[in-house]
Structures are given as C-alpha cells and as structure tokens.
Amino acid sequence: ARLTKSEASKLAAVSHDGLARAIRPAHSMTDGDTVFTLATGATALADDPTLRLQCINAILRSGAETFAAACAHAVTSATTVGDAPAWVDFVAPVS
C-alpha cells in the first residue's frame, strides 16, 4: 500500500502488539524486539478520508495478526541449538 511515514510508523507500533498476542510475558526489558514497516507503494489507498481510515485500520489489524502468527510459527518450527531445547522437544510424541 502507499502509506505515509506516520501510517507506516503506526503499522509498526500496532504490529508489535502481535507479540503480546503470541508471547507472554511480552515487551520485557531484555527481549530486544523491534518492528520495522516497509511499504511498496504499489497500491494507492482511497482519497476519501473515511474510506482511507477503513483501509488503514484493516492493514493495522492484519499487521498484528501476521506478527502473532509469525511468532507462533517461529517457536513451533525452531530446533534445538546446543543445550538450549526447542519447544518441539517438550511436545513431541514419545514412542
């Protein structure tokens, strides 16, 4: 979408809320999480202020949902590294 700088900043902030949907506790002092937004500008949004707001809100909602899904996918697809076990080590079926 063709977003303004402030709209892209808002998208990053709202998408960051997806972290809280997927991880608890979220936003801790040591997690070092940062969200960036890039917009291609390939699709122009409505010129009408009311319609543009509806489009932006849909994009914001999608951003948070996508970020939450990405967090869950990262956890469930991770593998053990060294002595640090992965989630799958705790939930894999025992034969």
N, C-alpha and C. Protein backbone atom coordinates (compact mmCIF):
# COMPACT_ATOMS: atom_id res chain seq x y z
N ALA A 1 0.85 -1.18 0.00
CA ALA A 1 0.00 0.00 0.00
C ALA A 1 0.88 1.24 0.00
N ARG A 2 0.33 2.32 -0.43
CA ARG A 2 1.04 3.60 -0.42
C ARG A 2 0.72 4.26 0.92
N LEU A 3 1.64 4.13 1.87
CA LEU A 3 1.45 4.66 3.23
C LEU A 3 2.29 5.90 3.44
N THR A 4 1.79 6.80 4.26
CA THR A 4 2.60 7.94 4.69
C THR A 4 3.60 7.45 5.74
N LYS A 5 4.55 8.28 6.05
CA LYS A 5 5.52 7.92 7.08
C LYS A 5 4.84 7.66 8.42
N SER A 6 3.87 8.48 8.78
CA SER A 6 3.18 8.29 10.07
C SER A 6 2.31 7.03 10.05
N GLU A 7 1.72 6.70 8.91
CA GLU A 7 0.93 5.47 8.80
C GLU A 7 1.82 4.24 8.92
N ALA A 8 2.99 4.28 8.31
CA ALA A 8 3.94 3.17 8.41
C ALA A 8 4.42 3.02 9.85
N SER A 9 4.67 4.12 10.51
CA SER A 9 5.09 4.08 11.92
C SER A 9 3.99 3.48 12.79
N LYS A 10 2.75 3.87 12.54
CA LYS A 10 1.62 3.32 13.29
C LYS A 10 1.48 1.82 13.03
N LEU A 11 1.70 1.39 11.79
CA LEU A 11 1.64 -0.03 11.46
C LEU A 11 2.69 -0.81 12.24
N ALA A 12 3.88 -0.29 12.34
CA ALA A 12 4.92 -0.97 13.12
C ALA A 12 4.52 -1.07 14.59
N ALA A 13 3.97 0.01 15.14
CA ALA A 13 3.56 0.01 16.55
C ALA A 13 2.43 -0.98 16.81
N VAL A 14 1.42 -0.97 15.95
CA VAL A 14 0.28 -1.87 16.14
C VAL A 14 0.69 -3.31 15.87
N SER A 15 1.55 -3.54 14.88
CA SER A 15 2.02 -4.89 14.60
C SER A 15 2.78 -5.46 15.79
N HIS A 16 3.48 -4.60 16.49
CA HIS A 16 4.22 -5.01 17.68
C HIS A 16 3.28 -5.60 18.73
N ASP A 17 2.02 -5.18 18.72
CA ASP A 17 1.04 -5.75 19.65
C ASP A 17 0.80 -7.23 19.37
N GLY A 18 1.10 -7.67 18.16
CA GLY A 18 1.01 -9.10 17.84
C GLY A 18 1.94 -9.92 18.70
N LEU A 19 3.03 -9.32 19.13
CA LEU A 19 3.96 -10.00 20.04
C LEU A 19 3.26 -10.36 21.34
N ALA A 20 2.48 -9.45 21.86
CA ALA A 20 1.76 -9.68 23.11
C ALA A 20 0.67 -10.74 22.95
N ARG A 21 0.18 -10.90 21.74
CA ARG A 21 -0.82 -11.94 21.49
C ARG A 21 -0.18 -13.33 21.51
N ALA A 22 1.09 -13.40 21.15
CA ALA A 22 1.74 -14.69 20.97
C ALA A 22 2.71 -15.07 22.09
N ILE A 23 3.27 -14.10 22.77
CA ILE A 23 4.32 -14.37 23.75
C ILE A 23 3.97 -13.72 25.08
N ARG A 24 4.13 -14.50 26.15
CA ARG A 24 3.90 -13.96 27.49
C ARG A 24 5.05 -14.37 28.38
N PRO A 25 5.69 -13.47 29.05
CA PRO A 25 5.42 -12.02 29.04
C PRO A 25 6.01 -11.39 27.78
N ALA A 26 5.37 -10.37 27.32
CA ALA A 26 5.86 -9.63 26.16
C ALA A 26 6.37 -8.26 26.60
N HIS A 27 7.15 -7.65 25.74
CA HIS A 27 7.68 -6.30 25.97
C HIS A 27 8.52 -6.23 27.25
N SER A 28 9.31 -7.26 27.50
CA SER A 28 10.16 -7.24 28.69
C SER A 28 11.37 -6.32 28.46
N MET A 29 12.10 -6.08 29.51
CA MET A 29 13.25 -5.18 29.43
C MET A 29 14.44 -5.80 28.69
N THR A 30 14.39 -7.11 28.46
CA THR A 30 15.55 -7.77 27.86
C THR A 30 15.26 -8.47 26.54
N ASP A 31 14.06 -8.32 25.98
CA ASP A 31 13.76 -9.08 24.77
C ASP A 31 14.32 -8.45 23.49
N GLY A 32 14.59 -7.18 23.48
CA GLY A 32 15.23 -6.54 22.33
C GLY A 32 14.43 -6.57 21.06
N ASP A 33 13.11 -6.61 21.16
CA ASP A 33 12.28 -6.69 19.96
C ASP A 33 12.11 -5.32 19.31
N THR A 34 12.13 -5.33 17.98
CA THR A 34 11.93 -4.12 17.19
C THR A 34 11.14 -4.51 15.96
N VAL A 35 10.20 -3.66 15.56
CA VAL A 35 9.40 -3.93 14.37
C VAL A 35 9.61 -2.77 13.39
N PHE A 36 9.88 -3.12 12.15
CA PHE A 36 10.03 -2.14 11.08
C PHE A 36 8.91 -2.34 10.07
N THR A 37 8.49 -1.28 9.43
CA THR A 37 7.48 -1.36 8.37
C THR A 37 8.07 -0.82 7.08
N LEU A 38 7.85 -1.56 6.03
CA LEU A 38 8.20 -1.12 4.69
C LEU A 38 6.94 -1.17 3.84
N ALA A 39 6.72 -0.18 3.05
CA ALA A 39 5.57 -0.16 2.15
C ALA A 39 6.05 0.02 0.73
N THR A 40 5.56 -0.82 -0.18
CA THR A 40 6.00 -0.74 -1.57
C THR A 40 5.40 0.45 -2.30
N GLY A 41 4.23 0.89 -1.84
CA GLY A 41 3.56 1.99 -2.52
C GLY A 41 2.88 1.56 -3.80
N ALA A 42 2.81 0.25 -4.04
CA ALA A 42 2.24 -0.26 -5.29
C ALA A 42 0.73 -0.05 -5.39
N THR A 43 0.04 0.03 -4.25
CA THR A 43 -1.41 0.18 -4.26
C THR A 43 -1.80 1.47 -3.56
N ALA A 44 -2.45 2.33 -4.30
CA ALA A 44 -2.93 3.59 -3.72
C ALA A 44 -4.17 3.30 -2.88
N LEU A 45 -4.27 3.97 -1.76
CA LEU A 45 -5.45 3.85 -0.90
C LEU A 45 -6.45 4.93 -1.28
N ALA A 46 -7.66 4.79 -0.80
CA ALA A 46 -8.73 5.72 -1.12
C ALA A 46 -8.37 7.16 -0.74
N ASP A 47 -8.83 8.10 -1.55
CA ASP A 47 -8.63 9.51 -1.26
C ASP A 47 -9.62 10.01 -0.21
N ASP A 48 -10.81 9.41 -0.20
CA ASP A 48 -11.83 9.79 0.78
C ASP A 48 -11.32 9.46 2.18
N PRO A 49 -11.30 10.43 3.09
CA PRO A 49 -10.74 10.21 4.43
C PRO A 49 -11.38 9.05 5.20
N THR A 50 -12.68 8.89 5.09
CA THR A 50 -13.36 7.81 5.80
C THR A 50 -12.96 6.45 5.24
N LEU A 51 -12.93 6.34 3.92
CA LEU A 51 -12.52 5.08 3.30
C LEU A 51 -11.06 4.77 3.56
N ARG A 52 -10.22 5.82 3.52
CA ARG A 52 -8.79 5.62 3.79
C ARG A 52 -8.60 5.10 5.21
N LEU A 53 -9.32 5.65 6.16
CA LEU A 53 -9.23 5.21 7.55
C LEU A 53 -9.63 3.73 7.67
N GLN A 54 -10.67 3.33 6.97
CA GLN A 54 -11.09 1.93 6.99
C GLN A 54 -10.00 1.03 6.41
N CYS A 55 -9.38 1.46 5.34
CA CYS A 55 -8.28 0.69 4.73
C CYS A 55 -7.10 0.58 5.69
N ILE A 56 -6.73 1.70 6.28
CA ILE A 56 -5.60 1.70 7.23
C ILE A 56 -5.90 0.79 8.41
N ASN A 57 -7.11 0.86 8.96
CA ASN A 57 -7.45 0.00 10.09
C ASN A 57 -7.39 -1.48 9.72
N ALA A 58 -7.79 -1.83 8.51
CA ALA A 58 -7.68 -3.22 8.05
C ALA A 58 -6.22 -3.64 7.96
N ILE A 59 -5.37 -2.75 7.48
CA ILE A 59 -3.94 -3.04 7.37
C ILE A 59 -3.34 -3.20 8.78
N LEU A 60 -3.74 -2.32 9.71
CA LEU A 60 -3.22 -2.41 11.08
C LEU A 60 -3.62 -3.74 11.73
N ARG A 61 -4.88 -4.12 11.57
CA ARG A 61 -5.36 -5.39 12.12
C ARG A 61 -4.57 -6.56 11.53
N SER A 62 -4.36 -6.53 10.23
CA SER A 62 -3.61 -7.59 9.56
C SER A 62 -2.16 -7.64 10.04
N GLY A 63 -1.59 -6.49 10.30
CA GLY A 63 -0.21 -6.44 10.78
C GLY A 63 -0.05 -7.15 12.11
N ALA A 64 -0.96 -6.88 13.05
CA ALA A 64 -0.89 -7.52 14.37
C ALA A 64 -1.14 -9.02 14.26
N GLU A 65 -2.11 -9.41 13.43
CA GLU A 65 -2.41 -10.83 13.26
C GLU A 65 -1.24 -11.57 12.61
N THR A 66 -0.62 -10.94 11.62
CA THR A 66 0.52 -11.55 10.93
C THR A 66 1.72 -11.69 11.86
N PHE A 67 1.97 -10.66 12.66
CA PHE A 67 3.10 -10.71 13.59
C PHE A 67 2.89 -11.82 14.62
N ALA A 68 1.68 -11.96 15.14
CA ALA A 68 1.39 -13.02 16.11
C ALA A 68 1.58 -14.39 15.47
N ALA A 69 1.11 -14.56 14.25
CA ALA A 69 1.27 -15.84 13.55
C ALA A 69 2.74 -16.13 13.29
N ALA A 70 3.50 -15.11 12.95
CA ALA A 70 4.94 -15.30 12.70
C ALA A 70 5.66 -15.72 13.97
N CYS A 71 5.30 -15.15 15.10
CA CYS A 71 5.91 -15.54 16.38
C CYS A 71 5.60 -17.00 16.69
N ALA A 72 4.34 -17.41 16.53
CA ALA A 72 3.96 -18.79 16.80
C ALA A 72 4.68 -19.74 15.85
N HIS A 73 4.78 -19.38 14.59
CA HIS A 73 5.49 -20.21 13.62
C HIS A 73 6.96 -20.35 13.98
N ALA A 74 7.57 -19.25 14.41
CA ALA A 74 8.99 -19.29 14.78
C ALA A 74 9.23 -20.26 15.94
N VAL A 75 8.35 -20.21 16.92
CA VAL A 75 8.50 -21.09 18.09
C VAL A 75 8.29 -22.55 17.70
N THR A 76 7.24 -22.82 16.95
CA THR A 76 6.91 -24.22 16.64
C THR A 76 7.84 -24.83 15.59
N SER A 77 8.54 -24.03 14.82
CA SER A 77 9.45 -24.58 13.82
C SER A 77 10.91 -24.55 14.25
N ALA A 78 11.20 -23.98 15.40
CA ALA A 78 12.58 -23.89 15.89
C ALA A 78 13.10 -25.28 16.26
N THR A 79 14.41 -25.43 16.18
CA THR A 79 15.06 -26.68 16.57
C THR A 79 16.06 -26.41 17.69
N THR A 80 16.43 -27.46 18.38
CA THR A 80 17.38 -27.34 19.48
C THR A 80 18.72 -26.84 18.98
N VAL A 81 19.34 -25.96 19.77
CA VAL A 81 20.67 -25.46 19.48
C VAL A 81 21.51 -25.69 20.72
N GLY A 82 22.52 -26.53 20.59
CA GLY A 82 23.37 -26.82 21.74
C GLY A 82 22.56 -27.42 22.88
N ASP A 83 22.70 -26.83 24.06
CA ASP A 83 21.98 -27.30 25.25
C ASP A 83 20.63 -26.61 25.43
N ALA A 84 20.29 -25.68 24.55
CA ALA A 84 19.03 -24.96 24.66
C ALA A 84 17.94 -25.73 23.92
N PRO A 85 17.00 -26.34 24.66
CA PRO A 85 15.95 -27.12 24.00
C PRO A 85 14.94 -26.23 23.28
N ALA A 86 14.36 -26.78 22.24
CA ALA A 86 13.31 -26.09 21.49
C ALA A 86 11.95 -26.55 22.00
N TRP A 87 10.92 -25.81 21.67
CA TRP A 87 9.55 -26.15 22.05
C TRP A 87 9.21 -27.57 21.63
N VAL A 88 9.61 -27.96 20.44
CA VAL A 88 9.27 -29.28 19.92
C VAL A 88 9.84 -30.40 20.81
N ASP A 89 10.91 -30.13 21.53
CA ASP A 89 11.49 -31.13 22.43
C ASP A 89 10.57 -31.44 23.59
N PHE A 90 9.71 -30.51 23.92
CA PHE A 90 8.81 -30.70 25.06
C PHE A 90 7.45 -31.27 24.66
N VAL A 91 7.10 -31.16 23.40
CA VAL A 91 5.75 -31.59 22.98
C VAL A 91 5.76 -32.74 21.99
N ALA A 92 6.92 -33.15 21.52
CA ALA A 92 6.99 -34.24 20.55
C ALA A 92 6.47 -35.53 21.18
N PRO A 93 5.72 -36.31 20.42
CA PRO A 93 5.21 -37.56 20.96
C PRO A 93 6.34 -38.53 21.30
N VAL A 94 6.14 -39.26 22.37
CA VAL A 94 7.13 -40.23 22.82
C VAL A 94 6.72 -41.59 22.26
N SER A 95 7.65 -42.28 21.63
CA SER A 95 7.35 -43.59 21.04
C SER A 95 7.56 -44.71 22.02
